[in-house]
Structure formats: C-alpha cells, structure tokens
Amino acid sequence: MNVIQRIDKIIEERSLLKHPFYEMWSDGKLTQESLAGYSKEYFQLVKSVPEFMAPIIEKAPNSVISELVDNQQEESDHIKPWISFAGELGVSEDELIPYSGLEKTNKAVSDLAELMNTFDGGACAMYAFEKEIPKISQTKLDGLSEFYQITTDKATEYFKLHTEADIRHAASWRNILEKSNADTSDLIEIAEKSVSAQNLLLDSCYEEYC
C-alpha cells in the first residue's frame, strides 16, 4: 500500500462514524441538550481550522498557495453557518462566541494544531481530518432530518457545504501527499495523531452530554 492507502485505512478503521456519540446521532438517541452541547464543543474546532492552515500556507510552495488560501477562506466562511446551526439548537451567538470549551475539547484542538508545524505534516493532518467529513456531514444531515426534525436551511447549511467542500479540500491535501518526500512513517504517525484528536473531541462530547 502507498502512503495514501495506509492513511485511508487508518481513517476507516478509526472512523468517527464508529464513535458512540455519532452512533447515537445516527440512531436518533441524542437529546436536544446533547446536540446543543456538541454545537458548543465542535465550534472550538470549526473556528480553529482556518488558523490550522496558516502555518501550512506559510511553508507552502508557490504552486499551491492560491488553492490553499481559497480553501482557508472557505473554512472561515463556514464559521457563520455553524453559528446558525447552534442557534437553531437554542445556543445563542452571545453564548457560543465566548464559550471556551471543555478540557478534553481543548486538548483535542491543541493536539491537532501541533501537527500543523510543517508543510507535509500539516497536509497529512488536514487530509486525515477532512477526508471523511463529506460522508460524516451527510450522515449528520440524515439524522437531523429523520430523528430531530431539524431541516431548515439555517440549521443544515454547514453540513450541506461540507458534503461538497471537503471533497475538494481533501483532494488538495492528497495531491500534496502524493508528491511528498517526507518520511512515510512520520506521515503515518501524524495521520494517527490527527484521527486520535478527532476522536478525543467526540469523547469530550459523549462524556459530558450523553
């Protein structure tokens, strides 16, 4: 297997869709309070993604800077739809913006941020983060509609955007990795750490709100 196939295997084996929190979402077993709590925790990650990309772009070759800057701008633009999603769950913007996150949530975001300090490593961490998001977003949309009667454009725009945007974003990271000369074992370790951090954030939500 090449490095992309090995990373994809890690993502599949430790899929966030296998996490108890997302399994409860897909089975309609979360309460409104659980979803509201999740909206506050995951916001800590949503607002950090553009910041994650800054050091990667800083070290990027000129050939990919424009594409990555466009991706970063999209991520910034997606913050507002998340705020709207939280609002539909009863979490006002005045409550959400100053909220600073649970300890495990912040550890998860910090662990991800620490993987962004090299161009190749950051691309790997972001690929491991964004590769599964389109599938996760569609699963979330299905659950919101079927079990929670949450279907308004304001509530669902974030997830609809991510069923499409992260296909493109993951392709950008994959193209970088396919040309990378970085040590394969280092990239595999970074991918594992990225997936671990993502699961840790869901651990935080599950332990606090379920």
N, C-alpha and C. Protein backbone atom coordinates (compact mmCIF):
# COMPACT_ATOMS: atom_id res chain seq x y z
N MET A 1 0.84 -1.20 0.00
CA MET A 1 0.00 0.00 0.00
C MET A 1 0.87 1.25 0.00
N ASN A 2 0.43 2.27 -0.76
CA ASN A 2 1.15 3.54 -0.70
C ASN A 2 0.69 4.33 0.52
N VAL A 3 1.28 5.49 0.73
CA VAL A 3 1.00 6.24 1.96
C VAL A 3 -0.46 6.68 2.05
N ILE A 4 -1.06 7.06 0.92
CA ILE A 4 -2.46 7.48 0.93
C ILE A 4 -3.36 6.31 1.33
N GLN A 5 -3.10 5.15 0.77
CA GLN A 5 -3.90 3.97 1.09
C GLN A 5 -3.76 3.61 2.58
N ARG A 6 -2.56 3.74 3.10
CA ARG A 6 -2.35 3.43 4.52
C ARG A 6 -3.08 4.43 5.42
N ILE A 7 -3.05 5.70 5.03
CA ILE A 7 -3.77 6.71 5.82
C ILE A 7 -5.28 6.47 5.72
N ASP A 8 -5.76 6.18 4.51
CA ASP A 8 -7.19 5.90 4.34
C ASP A 8 -7.63 4.72 5.21
N LYS A 9 -6.76 3.73 5.35
CA LYS A 9 -7.07 2.55 6.18
C LYS A 9 -7.21 2.97 7.65
N ILE A 10 -6.32 3.85 8.10
CA ILE A 10 -6.40 4.36 9.48
C ILE A 10 -7.72 5.10 9.69
N ILE A 11 -8.06 5.96 8.72
CA ILE A 11 -9.29 6.75 8.83
C ILE A 11 -10.51 5.83 8.88
N GLU A 12 -10.50 4.79 8.07
CA GLU A 12 -11.64 3.86 8.02
C GLU A 12 -11.71 3.03 9.30
N GLU A 13 -10.58 2.52 9.76
CA GLU A 13 -10.58 1.67 10.95
C GLU A 13 -10.99 2.43 12.20
N ARG A 14 -10.65 3.71 12.24
CA ARG A 14 -10.96 4.52 13.43
C ARG A 14 -11.97 5.60 13.07
N SER A 15 -12.87 5.26 12.15
CA SER A 15 -13.86 6.21 11.65
C SER A 15 -14.64 6.86 12.78
N LEU A 16 -14.84 8.17 12.65
CA LEU A 16 -15.64 8.88 13.64
C LEU A 16 -17.08 8.38 13.64
N LEU A 17 -17.53 7.83 12.54
CA LEU A 17 -18.89 7.30 12.48
C LEU A 17 -19.06 6.06 13.35
N LYS A 18 -17.94 5.49 13.80
CA LYS A 18 -18.00 4.35 14.73
C LYS A 18 -17.94 4.81 16.19
N HIS A 19 -17.75 6.11 16.39
CA HIS A 19 -17.70 6.63 17.76
C HIS A 19 -19.10 6.61 18.37
N PRO A 20 -19.23 6.27 19.66
CA PRO A 20 -20.55 6.18 20.28
C PRO A 20 -21.40 7.45 20.12
N PHE A 21 -20.76 8.62 20.13
CA PHE A 21 -21.55 9.85 20.02
C PHE A 21 -22.21 9.94 18.65
N TYR A 22 -21.45 9.67 17.59
CA TYR A 22 -22.04 9.73 16.25
C TYR A 22 -22.97 8.55 15.98
N GLU A 23 -22.73 7.42 16.63
CA GLU A 23 -23.66 6.31 16.50
C GLU A 23 -25.01 6.67 17.12
N MET A 24 -24.97 7.36 18.27
CA MET A 24 -26.21 7.82 18.91
C MET A 24 -26.92 8.84 18.02
N TRP A 25 -26.14 9.70 17.38
CA TRP A 25 -26.72 10.69 16.44
C TRP A 25 -27.46 9.95 15.33
N SER A 26 -26.80 8.96 14.73
CA SER A 26 -27.39 8.23 13.60
C SER A 26 -28.57 7.37 14.01
N ASP A 27 -28.63 6.99 15.30
CA ASP A 27 -29.73 6.17 15.80
C ASP A 27 -30.86 7.00 16.41
N GLY A 28 -30.70 8.32 16.41
CA GLY A 28 -31.73 9.19 16.96
C GLY A 28 -31.81 9.17 18.47
N LYS A 29 -30.69 8.86 19.13
CA LYS A 29 -30.71 8.70 20.59
C LYS A 29 -30.13 9.89 21.35
N LEU A 30 -29.70 10.92 20.63
CA LEU A 30 -29.21 12.12 21.31
C LEU A 30 -30.39 13.01 21.70
N THR A 31 -30.25 13.70 22.81
CA THR A 31 -31.26 14.68 23.20
C THR A 31 -30.93 16.02 22.55
N GLN A 32 -31.89 16.93 22.60
CA GLN A 32 -31.65 18.29 22.12
C GLN A 32 -30.49 18.92 22.88
N GLU A 33 -30.42 18.61 24.19
CA GLU A 33 -29.35 19.14 25.03
C GLU A 33 -27.99 18.59 24.59
N SER A 34 -27.97 17.31 24.21
CA SER A 34 -26.72 16.71 23.72
C SER A 34 -26.24 17.40 22.45
N LEU A 35 -27.16 17.65 21.53
CA LEU A 35 -26.80 18.32 20.29
C LEU A 35 -26.35 19.75 20.55
N ALA A 36 -27.02 20.42 21.47
CA ALA A 36 -26.64 21.79 21.81
C ALA A 36 -25.24 21.82 22.41
N GLY A 37 -24.96 20.88 23.30
CA GLY A 37 -23.63 20.81 23.89
C GLY A 37 -22.57 20.53 22.84
N TYR A 38 -22.88 19.61 21.95
CA TYR A 38 -21.97 19.30 20.85
C TYR A 38 -21.69 20.54 20.00
N SER A 39 -22.72 21.33 19.74
CA SER A 39 -22.54 22.53 18.91
C SER A 39 -21.55 23.49 19.54
N LYS A 40 -21.50 23.52 20.86
CA LYS A 40 -20.56 24.41 21.56
C LYS A 40 -19.14 23.84 21.55
N GLU A 41 -19.03 22.53 21.71
CA GLU A 41 -17.69 21.92 21.72
C GLU A 41 -17.07 21.94 20.32
N TYR A 42 -17.85 21.50 19.34
CA TYR A 42 -17.30 21.39 17.98
C TYR A 42 -16.97 22.77 17.39
N PHE A 43 -17.64 23.79 17.90
CA PHE A 43 -17.33 25.15 17.45
C PHE A 43 -15.87 25.51 17.74
N GLN A 44 -15.32 24.93 18.80
CA GLN A 44 -13.91 25.20 19.13
C GLN A 44 -13.00 24.72 17.99
N LEU A 45 -13.42 23.65 17.31
CA LEU A 45 -12.66 23.15 16.17
C LEU A 45 -12.98 23.94 14.90
N VAL A 46 -14.26 24.21 14.67
CA VAL A 46 -14.67 24.93 13.45
C VAL A 46 -13.92 26.25 13.32
N LYS A 47 -13.86 27.00 14.41
CA LYS A 47 -13.22 28.32 14.35
C LYS A 47 -11.70 28.23 14.29
N SER A 48 -11.14 27.06 14.60
CA SER A 48 -9.68 26.89 14.60
C SER A 48 -9.13 26.43 13.26
N VAL A 49 -9.97 25.84 12.40
CA VAL A 49 -9.47 25.27 11.15
C VAL A 49 -8.74 26.30 10.27
N PRO A 50 -9.27 27.51 10.08
CA PRO A 50 -8.50 28.49 9.30
C PRO A 50 -7.14 28.80 9.92
N GLU A 51 -7.09 28.79 11.25
CA GLU A 51 -5.82 29.03 11.94
C GLU A 51 -4.87 27.86 11.74
N PHE A 52 -5.40 26.64 11.71
CA PHE A 52 -4.56 25.46 11.43
C PHE A 52 -3.81 25.64 10.12
N MET A 53 -4.49 26.21 9.14
CA MET A 53 -3.93 26.26 7.80
C MET A 53 -2.85 27.33 7.64
N ALA A 54 -2.83 28.31 8.52
CA ALA A 54 -1.90 29.43 8.35
C ALA A 54 -0.44 28.99 8.28
N PRO A 55 0.06 28.17 9.23
CA PRO A 55 1.47 27.76 9.13
C PRO A 55 1.77 26.86 7.94
N ILE A 56 0.77 26.11 7.47
CA ILE A 56 0.96 25.27 6.29
C ILE A 56 1.15 26.16 5.06
N ILE A 57 0.28 27.14 4.93
CA ILE A 57 0.36 28.06 3.79
C ILE A 57 1.68 28.83 3.81
N GLU A 58 2.10 29.19 4.99
CA GLU A 58 3.35 29.94 5.15
C GLU A 58 4.54 29.16 4.59
N LYS A 59 4.48 27.83 4.69
CA LYS A 59 5.60 26.98 4.25
C LYS A 59 5.35 26.37 2.87
N ALA A 60 4.21 26.68 2.26
CA ALA A 60 3.82 26.03 1.01
C ALA A 60 4.61 26.57 -0.18
N PRO A 61 4.87 25.72 -1.17
CA PRO A 61 5.46 26.21 -2.43
C PRO A 61 4.45 27.10 -3.15
N ASN A 62 4.96 28.01 -3.96
CA ASN A 62 4.10 28.97 -4.66
C ASN A 62 3.02 28.30 -5.50
N SER A 63 3.31 27.10 -5.99
CA SER A 63 2.37 26.42 -6.90
C SER A 63 1.03 26.08 -6.26
N VAL A 64 0.98 25.97 -4.93
CA VAL A 64 -0.28 25.56 -4.27
C VAL A 64 -0.85 26.63 -3.34
N ILE A 65 -0.12 27.74 -3.17
CA ILE A 65 -0.56 28.75 -2.19
C ILE A 65 -1.96 29.26 -2.51
N SER A 66 -2.22 29.61 -3.75
CA SER A 66 -3.51 30.18 -4.12
C SER A 66 -4.66 29.23 -3.80
N GLU A 67 -4.48 27.96 -4.14
CA GLU A 67 -5.51 26.95 -3.87
C GLU A 67 -5.76 26.81 -2.36
N LEU A 68 -4.69 26.79 -1.59
CA LEU A 68 -4.84 26.62 -0.14
C LEU A 68 -5.44 27.86 0.51
N VAL A 69 -5.10 29.03 0.01
CA VAL A 69 -5.70 30.27 0.54
C VAL A 69 -7.20 30.27 0.27
N ASP A 70 -7.59 29.82 -0.90
CA ASP A 70 -9.03 29.72 -1.22
C ASP A 70 -9.72 28.75 -0.26
N ASN A 71 -9.09 27.62 0.01
CA ASN A 71 -9.65 26.64 0.95
C ASN A 71 -9.77 27.25 2.35
N GLN A 72 -8.74 27.97 2.75
CA GLN A 72 -8.75 28.61 4.07
C GLN A 72 -9.89 29.62 4.17
N GLN A 73 -10.10 30.39 3.11
CA GLN A 73 -11.19 31.36 3.11
C GLN A 73 -12.55 30.67 3.22
N GLU A 74 -12.69 29.56 2.54
CA GLU A 74 -13.93 28.79 2.65
C GLU A 74 -14.17 28.37 4.09
N GLU A 75 -13.11 27.88 4.74
CA GLU A 75 -13.25 27.46 6.14
C GLU A 75 -13.66 28.63 7.03
N SER A 76 -13.11 29.80 6.76
CA SER A 76 -13.51 30.99 7.52
C SER A 76 -14.98 31.32 7.28
N ASP A 77 -15.39 31.18 6.02
CA ASP A 77 -16.79 31.47 5.67
C ASP A 77 -17.76 30.48 6.29
N HIS A 78 -17.27 29.30 6.67
CA HIS A 78 -18.14 28.27 7.24
C HIS A 78 -18.41 28.46 8.74
N ILE A 79 -17.72 29.40 9.35
CA ILE A 79 -17.94 29.64 10.78
C ILE A 79 -19.36 30.16 11.03
N LYS A 80 -19.80 31.08 10.17
CA LYS A 80 -21.13 31.66 10.36
C LYS A 80 -22.25 30.62 10.25
N PRO A 81 -22.22 29.71 9.25
CA PRO A 81 -23.25 28.67 9.22
C PRO A 81 -23.26 27.78 10.46
N TRP A 82 -22.08 27.56 11.07
CA TRP A 82 -22.07 26.77 12.31
C TRP A 82 -22.78 27.54 13.42
N ILE A 83 -22.55 28.83 13.49
CA ILE A 83 -23.22 29.67 14.49
C ILE A 83 -24.73 29.58 14.29
N SER A 84 -25.17 29.55 13.04
CA SER A 84 -26.60 29.41 12.75
C SER A 84 -27.13 28.05 13.20
N PHE A 85 -26.35 26.99 12.97
CA PHE A 85 -26.74 25.65 13.43
C PHE A 85 -26.92 25.63 14.94
N ALA A 86 -25.94 26.18 15.65
CA ALA A 86 -26.04 26.24 17.12
C ALA A 86 -27.27 27.03 17.55
N GLY A 87 -27.54 28.12 16.84
CA GLY A 87 -28.70 28.95 17.18
C GLY A 87 -30.00 28.19 17.06
N GLU A 88 -30.10 27.32 16.04
CA GLU A 88 -31.31 26.52 15.86
C GLU A 88 -31.49 25.50 16.99
N LEU A 89 -30.39 25.21 17.69
CA LEU A 89 -30.44 24.28 18.83
C LEU A 89 -30.62 25.01 20.15
N GLY A 90 -30.78 26.32 20.09
CA GLY A 90 -31.02 27.11 21.29
C GLY A 90 -29.78 27.71 21.91
N VAL A 91 -28.63 27.60 21.21
CA VAL A 91 -27.39 28.20 21.71
C VAL A 91 -27.19 29.52 20.97
N SER A 92 -27.39 30.63 21.66
CA SER A 92 -27.30 31.93 21.01
C SER A 92 -25.85 32.27 20.67
N GLU A 93 -25.68 33.19 19.74
CA GLU A 93 -24.34 33.65 19.37
C GLU A 93 -23.64 34.26 20.59
N ASP A 94 -24.39 34.95 21.42
CA ASP A 94 -23.82 35.57 22.62
C ASP A 94 -23.31 34.52 23.60
N GLU A 95 -23.92 33.34 23.58
CA GLU A 95 -23.44 32.25 24.43
C GLU A 95 -22.29 31.50 23.78
N LEU A 96 -22.39 31.30 22.47
CA LEU A 96 -21.42 30.47 21.75
C LEU A 96 -20.05 31.14 21.63
N ILE A 97 -20.01 32.39 21.21
CA ILE A 97 -18.75 33.05 20.89
C ILE A 97 -17.78 33.08 22.07
N PRO A 98 -18.22 33.45 23.27
CA PRO A 98 -17.26 33.48 24.38
C PRO A 98 -16.99 32.12 25.03
N TYR A 99 -17.77 31.08 24.65
CA TYR A 99 -17.60 29.77 25.27
C TYR A 99 -16.22 29.21 24.93
N SER A 100 -15.53 28.69 25.93
CA SER A 100 -14.12 28.33 25.72
C SER A 100 -13.85 26.83 25.64
N GLY A 101 -14.87 25.99 25.80
CA GLY A 101 -14.68 24.56 25.59
C GLY A 101 -14.26 23.80 26.84
N LEU A 102 -14.63 22.52 26.87
CA LEU A 102 -14.23 21.62 27.94
C LEU A 102 -12.74 21.27 27.81
N GLU A 103 -12.19 20.74 28.88
CA GLU A 103 -10.75 20.44 28.90
C GLU A 103 -10.35 19.47 27.78
N LYS A 104 -11.12 18.40 27.61
CA LYS A 104 -10.78 17.42 26.56
C LYS A 104 -10.99 18.00 25.16
N THR A 105 -11.99 18.84 25.02
CA THR A 105 -12.21 19.52 23.74
C THR A 105 -10.98 20.34 23.37
N ASN A 106 -10.51 21.13 24.32
CA ASN A 106 -9.36 22.00 24.06
C ASN A 106 -8.09 21.19 23.82
N LYS A 107 -7.97 20.05 24.49
CA LYS A 107 -6.81 19.17 24.27
C LYS A 107 -6.85 18.63 22.84
N ALA A 108 -8.04 18.26 22.38
CA ALA A 108 -8.20 17.74 21.02
C ALA A 108 -7.79 18.79 19.99
N VAL A 109 -8.28 20.02 20.16
CA VAL A 109 -7.95 21.10 19.22
C VAL A 109 -6.46 21.42 19.27
N SER A 110 -5.91 21.44 20.47
CA SER A 110 -4.48 21.71 20.63
C SER A 110 -3.63 20.62 20.00
N ASP A 111 -4.05 19.37 20.19
CA ASP A 111 -3.30 18.24 19.59
C ASP A 111 -3.29 18.35 18.07
N LEU A 112 -4.40 18.76 17.48
CA LEU A 112 -4.45 18.93 16.04
C LEU A 112 -3.55 20.10 15.60
N ALA A 113 -3.64 21.19 16.32
CA ALA A 113 -2.85 22.38 15.97
C ALA A 113 -1.36 22.08 15.95
N GLU A 114 -0.92 21.22 16.87
CA GLU A 114 0.51 20.90 16.97
C GLU A 114 1.02 20.11 15.77
N LEU A 115 0.10 19.54 14.98
CA LEU A 115 0.50 18.74 13.82
C LEU A 115 0.72 19.60 12.57
N MET A 116 0.45 20.89 12.69
CA MET A 116 0.46 21.77 11.51
C MET A 116 1.77 22.52 11.31
N ASN A 117 2.82 22.12 12.00
CA ASN A 117 4.04 22.94 12.02
C ASN A 117 4.99 22.66 10.85
N THR A 118 4.67 21.70 9.98
CA THR A 118 5.45 21.52 8.75
C THR A 118 4.47 21.45 7.58
N PHE A 119 4.95 21.69 6.39
CA PHE A 119 4.07 21.68 5.22
C PHE A 119 3.51 20.29 4.96
N ASP A 120 4.38 19.30 4.85
CA ASP A 120 3.93 17.94 4.56
C ASP A 120 3.13 17.35 5.72
N GLY A 121 3.62 17.58 6.94
CA GLY A 121 2.93 17.05 8.10
C GLY A 121 1.55 17.68 8.27
N GLY A 122 1.49 19.00 8.06
CA GLY A 122 0.21 19.67 8.16
C GLY A 122 -0.78 19.19 7.11
N ALA A 123 -0.28 19.00 5.89
CA ALA A 123 -1.14 18.47 4.83
C ALA A 123 -1.67 17.09 5.19
N CYS A 124 -0.83 16.29 5.80
CA CYS A 124 -1.23 14.94 6.22
C CYS A 124 -2.30 15.01 7.31
N ALA A 125 -2.07 15.86 8.32
CA ALA A 125 -3.04 16.00 9.41
C ALA A 125 -4.38 16.51 8.90
N MET A 126 -4.35 17.46 7.97
CA MET A 126 -5.57 18.00 7.41
C MET A 126 -6.27 16.99 6.51
N TYR A 127 -5.52 16.20 5.76
CA TYR A 127 -6.12 15.15 4.95
C TYR A 127 -6.86 14.15 5.84
N ALA A 128 -6.20 13.74 6.92
CA ALA A 128 -6.81 12.79 7.85
C ALA A 128 -8.03 13.39 8.55
N PHE A 129 -8.08 14.70 8.63
CA PHE A 129 -9.22 15.40 9.23
C PHE A 129 -10.37 15.54 8.23
N GLU A 130 -10.06 15.93 7.00
CA GLU A 130 -11.11 16.30 6.06
C GLU A 130 -11.61 15.16 5.16
N LYS A 131 -10.84 14.11 5.05
CA LYS A 131 -11.19 13.02 4.12
C LYS A 131 -12.59 12.45 4.38
N GLU A 132 -12.94 12.25 5.63
CA GLU A 132 -14.19 11.58 5.96
C GLU A 132 -15.36 12.56 6.18
N ILE A 133 -15.06 13.86 6.22
CA ILE A 133 -16.09 14.83 6.56
C ILE A 133 -17.30 14.83 5.60
N PRO A 134 -17.10 14.69 4.29
CA PRO A 134 -18.30 14.65 3.43
C PRO A 134 -19.28 13.53 3.83
N LYS A 135 -18.74 12.35 4.09
CA LYS A 135 -19.61 11.22 4.49
C LYS A 135 -20.23 11.49 5.87
N ILE A 136 -19.45 12.02 6.79
CA ILE A 136 -19.97 12.34 8.12
C ILE A 136 -21.06 13.39 8.03
N SER A 137 -20.83 14.42 7.20
CA SER A 137 -21.80 15.50 7.07
C SER A 137 -23.13 15.00 6.53
N GLN A 138 -23.08 14.10 5.55
CA GLN A 138 -24.33 13.54 5.01
C GLN A 138 -25.04 12.70 6.06
N THR A 139 -24.28 11.94 6.84
CA THR A 139 -24.87 11.14 7.91
C THR A 139 -25.53 12.03 8.95
N LYS A 140 -24.88 13.13 9.28
CA LYS A 140 -25.47 14.08 10.23
C LYS A 140 -26.77 14.67 9.68
N LEU A 141 -26.74 15.07 8.42
CA LEU A 141 -27.94 15.63 7.80
C LEU A 141 -29.10 14.63 7.84
N ASP A 142 -28.80 13.37 7.53
CA ASP A 142 -29.84 12.33 7.54
C ASP A 142 -30.43 12.19 8.94
N GLY A 143 -29.56 12.17 9.95
CA GLY A 143 -30.02 12.02 11.32
C GLY A 143 -30.82 13.22 11.79
N LEU A 144 -30.34 14.43 11.45
CA LEU A 144 -31.06 15.65 11.85
C LEU A 144 -32.47 15.67 11.29
N SER A 145 -32.60 15.24 10.04
CA SER A 145 -33.92 15.24 9.40
C SER A 145 -34.82 14.13 9.94
N GLU A 146 -34.27 12.91 10.01
CA GLU A 146 -35.11 11.75 10.36
C GLU A 146 -35.53 11.73 11.82
N PHE A 147 -34.62 12.09 12.71
CA PHE A 147 -34.89 11.89 14.13
C PHE A 147 -35.15 13.18 14.92
N TYR A 148 -34.60 14.28 14.42
CA TYR A 148 -34.66 15.51 15.23
C TYR A 148 -35.48 16.60 14.57
N GLN A 149 -36.05 16.32 13.37
CA GLN A 149 -36.88 17.27 12.63
C GLN A 149 -36.18 18.63 12.48
N ILE A 150 -34.87 18.56 12.25
CA ILE A 150 -34.08 19.77 12.02
C ILE A 150 -33.72 19.80 10.54
N THR A 151 -34.41 20.66 9.78
CA THR A 151 -34.26 20.65 8.33
C THR A 151 -34.14 22.04 7.72
N THR A 152 -34.23 23.09 8.52
CA THR A 152 -34.18 24.44 7.96
C THR A 152 -32.81 24.71 7.33
N ASP A 153 -32.80 25.63 6.39
CA ASP A 153 -31.54 25.98 5.72
C ASP A 153 -30.52 26.49 6.73
N LYS A 154 -30.98 27.29 7.70
CA LYS A 154 -30.06 27.84 8.70
C LYS A 154 -29.40 26.73 9.51
N ALA A 155 -30.16 25.69 9.81
CA ALA A 155 -29.65 24.60 10.64
C ALA A 155 -28.76 23.64 9.87
N THR A 156 -28.98 23.54 8.57
CA THR A 156 -28.30 22.48 7.81
C THR A 156 -27.24 22.99 6.84
N GLU A 157 -27.13 24.30 6.65
CA GLU A 157 -26.22 24.83 5.63
C GLU A 157 -24.78 24.37 5.85
N TYR A 158 -24.32 24.39 7.10
CA TYR A 158 -22.93 23.99 7.38
C TYR A 158 -22.65 22.59 6.85
N PHE A 159 -23.55 21.67 7.13
CA PHE A 159 -23.31 20.28 6.75
C PHE A 159 -23.46 20.08 5.24
N LYS A 160 -24.41 20.80 4.64
CA LYS A 160 -24.56 20.72 3.19
C LYS A 160 -23.29 21.22 2.49
N LEU A 161 -22.73 22.31 2.98
CA LEU A 161 -21.49 22.84 2.42
C LEU A 161 -20.37 21.81 2.49
N HIS A 162 -20.32 21.08 3.61
CA HIS A 162 -19.21 20.16 3.84
C HIS A 162 -19.38 18.81 3.15
N THR A 163 -20.57 18.54 2.64
CA THR A 163 -20.69 17.33 1.81
C THR A 163 -19.94 17.51 0.50
N GLU A 164 -19.71 18.76 0.13
CA GLU A 164 -19.05 19.05 -1.15
C GLU A 164 -17.66 19.66 -0.97
N ALA A 165 -17.54 20.65 -0.10
CA ALA A 165 -16.28 21.40 0.01
C ALA A 165 -15.10 20.51 0.40
N ASP A 166 -15.33 19.60 1.33
CA ASP A 166 -14.20 18.82 1.82
C ASP A 166 -13.79 17.71 0.87
N ILE A 167 -14.59 17.42 -0.14
CA ILE A 167 -14.12 16.55 -1.21
C ILE A 167 -12.97 17.25 -1.93
N ARG A 168 -13.19 18.53 -2.24
CA ARG A 168 -12.15 19.32 -2.90
C ARG A 168 -10.94 19.55 -1.99
N HIS A 169 -11.22 19.87 -0.73
CA HIS A 169 -10.13 20.15 0.20
C HIS A 169 -9.25 18.92 0.41
N ALA A 170 -9.90 17.77 0.61
CA ALA A 170 -9.13 16.54 0.82
C ALA A 170 -8.30 16.21 -0.43
N ALA A 171 -8.85 16.52 -1.60
CA ALA A 171 -8.10 16.29 -2.85
C ALA A 171 -6.85 17.16 -2.90
N SER A 172 -6.95 18.38 -2.40
CA SER A 172 -5.77 19.27 -2.36
C SER A 172 -4.68 18.67 -1.48
N TRP A 173 -5.09 18.21 -0.31
CA TRP A 173 -4.10 17.61 0.61
C TRP A 173 -3.53 16.32 0.04
N ARG A 174 -4.38 15.52 -0.59
CA ARG A 174 -3.91 14.26 -1.17
C ARG A 174 -2.87 14.52 -2.27
N ASN A 175 -3.11 15.52 -3.10
CA ASN A 175 -2.15 15.86 -4.16
C ASN A 175 -0.79 16.25 -3.58
N ILE A 176 -0.82 16.96 -2.47
CA ILE A 176 0.43 17.33 -1.80
C ILE A 176 1.15 16.09 -1.28
N LEU A 177 0.38 15.21 -0.65
CA LEU A 177 0.98 13.99 -0.08
C LEU A 177 1.55 13.08 -1.16
N GLU A 178 0.89 13.03 -2.31
CA GLU A 178 1.36 12.15 -3.39
C GLU A 178 2.72 12.60 -3.93
N LYS A 179 3.03 13.89 -3.75
CA LYS A 179 4.31 14.43 -4.23
C LYS A 179 5.33 14.57 -3.10
N SER A 180 4.93 14.21 -1.90
CA SER A 180 5.78 14.46 -0.73
C SER A 180 6.98 13.51 -0.69
N ASN A 181 8.09 14.07 -0.23
CA ASN A 181 9.28 13.27 0.02
C ASN A 181 9.48 13.01 1.51
N ALA A 182 8.49 13.38 2.31
CA ALA A 182 8.59 13.18 3.75
C ALA A 182 8.63 11.70 4.09
N ASP A 183 9.22 11.39 5.23
CA ASP A 183 9.32 10.01 5.69
C ASP A 183 7.92 9.42 5.88
N THR A 184 7.68 8.28 5.26
CA THR A 184 6.34 7.67 5.31
C THR A 184 5.92 7.37 6.73
N SER A 185 6.82 6.87 7.54
CA SER A 185 6.46 6.52 8.92
C SER A 185 6.07 7.76 9.71
N ASP A 186 6.69 8.90 9.41
CA ASP A 186 6.32 10.15 10.07
C ASP A 186 4.90 10.57 9.67
N LEU A 187 4.59 10.43 8.39
CA LEU A 187 3.25 10.80 7.93
C LEU A 187 2.18 9.89 8.53
N ILE A 188 2.48 8.61 8.62
CA ILE A 188 1.52 7.68 9.22
C ILE A 188 1.28 8.04 10.68
N GLU A 189 2.32 8.38 11.40
CA GLU A 189 2.19 8.77 12.81
C GLU A 189 1.33 10.03 12.94
N ILE A 190 1.54 10.99 12.05
CA ILE A 190 0.76 12.23 12.08
C ILE A 190 -0.71 11.94 11.79
N ALA A 191 -0.97 11.09 10.81
CA ALA A 191 -2.36 10.72 10.49
C ALA A 191 -3.04 10.07 11.70
N GLU A 192 -2.31 9.19 12.37
CA GLU A 192 -2.87 8.52 13.56
C GLU A 192 -3.18 9.54 14.66
N LYS A 193 -2.28 10.50 14.83
CA LYS A 193 -2.49 11.53 15.86
C LYS A 193 -3.67 12.43 15.49
N SER A 194 -3.83 12.73 14.21
CA SER A 194 -4.96 13.53 13.76
C SER A 194 -6.28 12.82 14.06
N VAL A 195 -6.34 11.56 13.71
CA VAL A 195 -7.57 10.79 13.95
C VAL A 195 -7.83 10.64 15.45
N SER A 196 -6.78 10.46 16.22
CA SER A 196 -6.93 10.35 17.69
C SER A 196 -7.51 11.64 18.27
N ALA A 197 -7.02 12.77 17.80
CA ALA A 197 -7.50 14.06 18.30
C ALA A 197 -8.98 14.25 17.95
N GLN A 198 -9.36 13.86 16.75
CA GLN A 198 -10.77 13.98 16.35
C GLN A 198 -11.67 13.11 17.23
N ASN A 199 -11.22 11.91 17.52
CA ASN A 199 -11.99 11.03 18.40
C ASN A 199 -12.04 11.57 19.82
N LEU A 200 -10.97 12.22 20.25
CA LEU A 200 -10.94 12.80 21.60
C LEU A 200 -12.00 13.87 21.75
N LEU A 201 -12.20 14.66 20.71
CA LEU A 201 -13.23 15.70 20.78
C LEU A 201 -14.61 15.07 20.97
N LEU A 202 -14.87 13.96 20.28
CA LEU A 202 -16.14 13.28 20.45
C LEU A 202 -16.23 12.61 21.82
N ASP A 203 -15.10 12.13 22.33
CA ASP A 203 -15.08 11.63 23.72
C ASP A 203 -15.56 12.71 24.67
N SER A 204 -15.07 13.91 24.46
CA SER A 204 -15.44 15.05 25.31
C SER A 204 -16.94 15.27 25.29
N CYS A 205 -17.54 15.26 24.09
CA CYS A 205 -18.98 15.46 23.96
C CYS A 205 -19.76 14.31 24.59
N TYR A 206 -19.31 13.09 24.34
CA TYR A 206 -20.02 11.90 24.83
C TYR A 206 -20.03 11.86 26.36
N GLU A 207 -18.87 12.14 26.94
CA GLU A 207 -18.75 12.07 28.40
C GLU A 207 -19.54 13.17 29.10
N GLU A 208 -19.62 14.33 28.48
CA GLU A 208 -20.27 15.48 29.11
C GLU A 208 -21.78 15.54 28.84
N TYR A 209 -22.20 15.11 27.67
CA TYR A 209 -23.58 15.39 27.26
C TYR A 209 -24.43 14.15 27.03
N CYS A 210 -23.86 12.95 27.23
CA CYS A 210 -24.65 11.72 27.00
C CYS A 210 -24.82 10.91 28.28
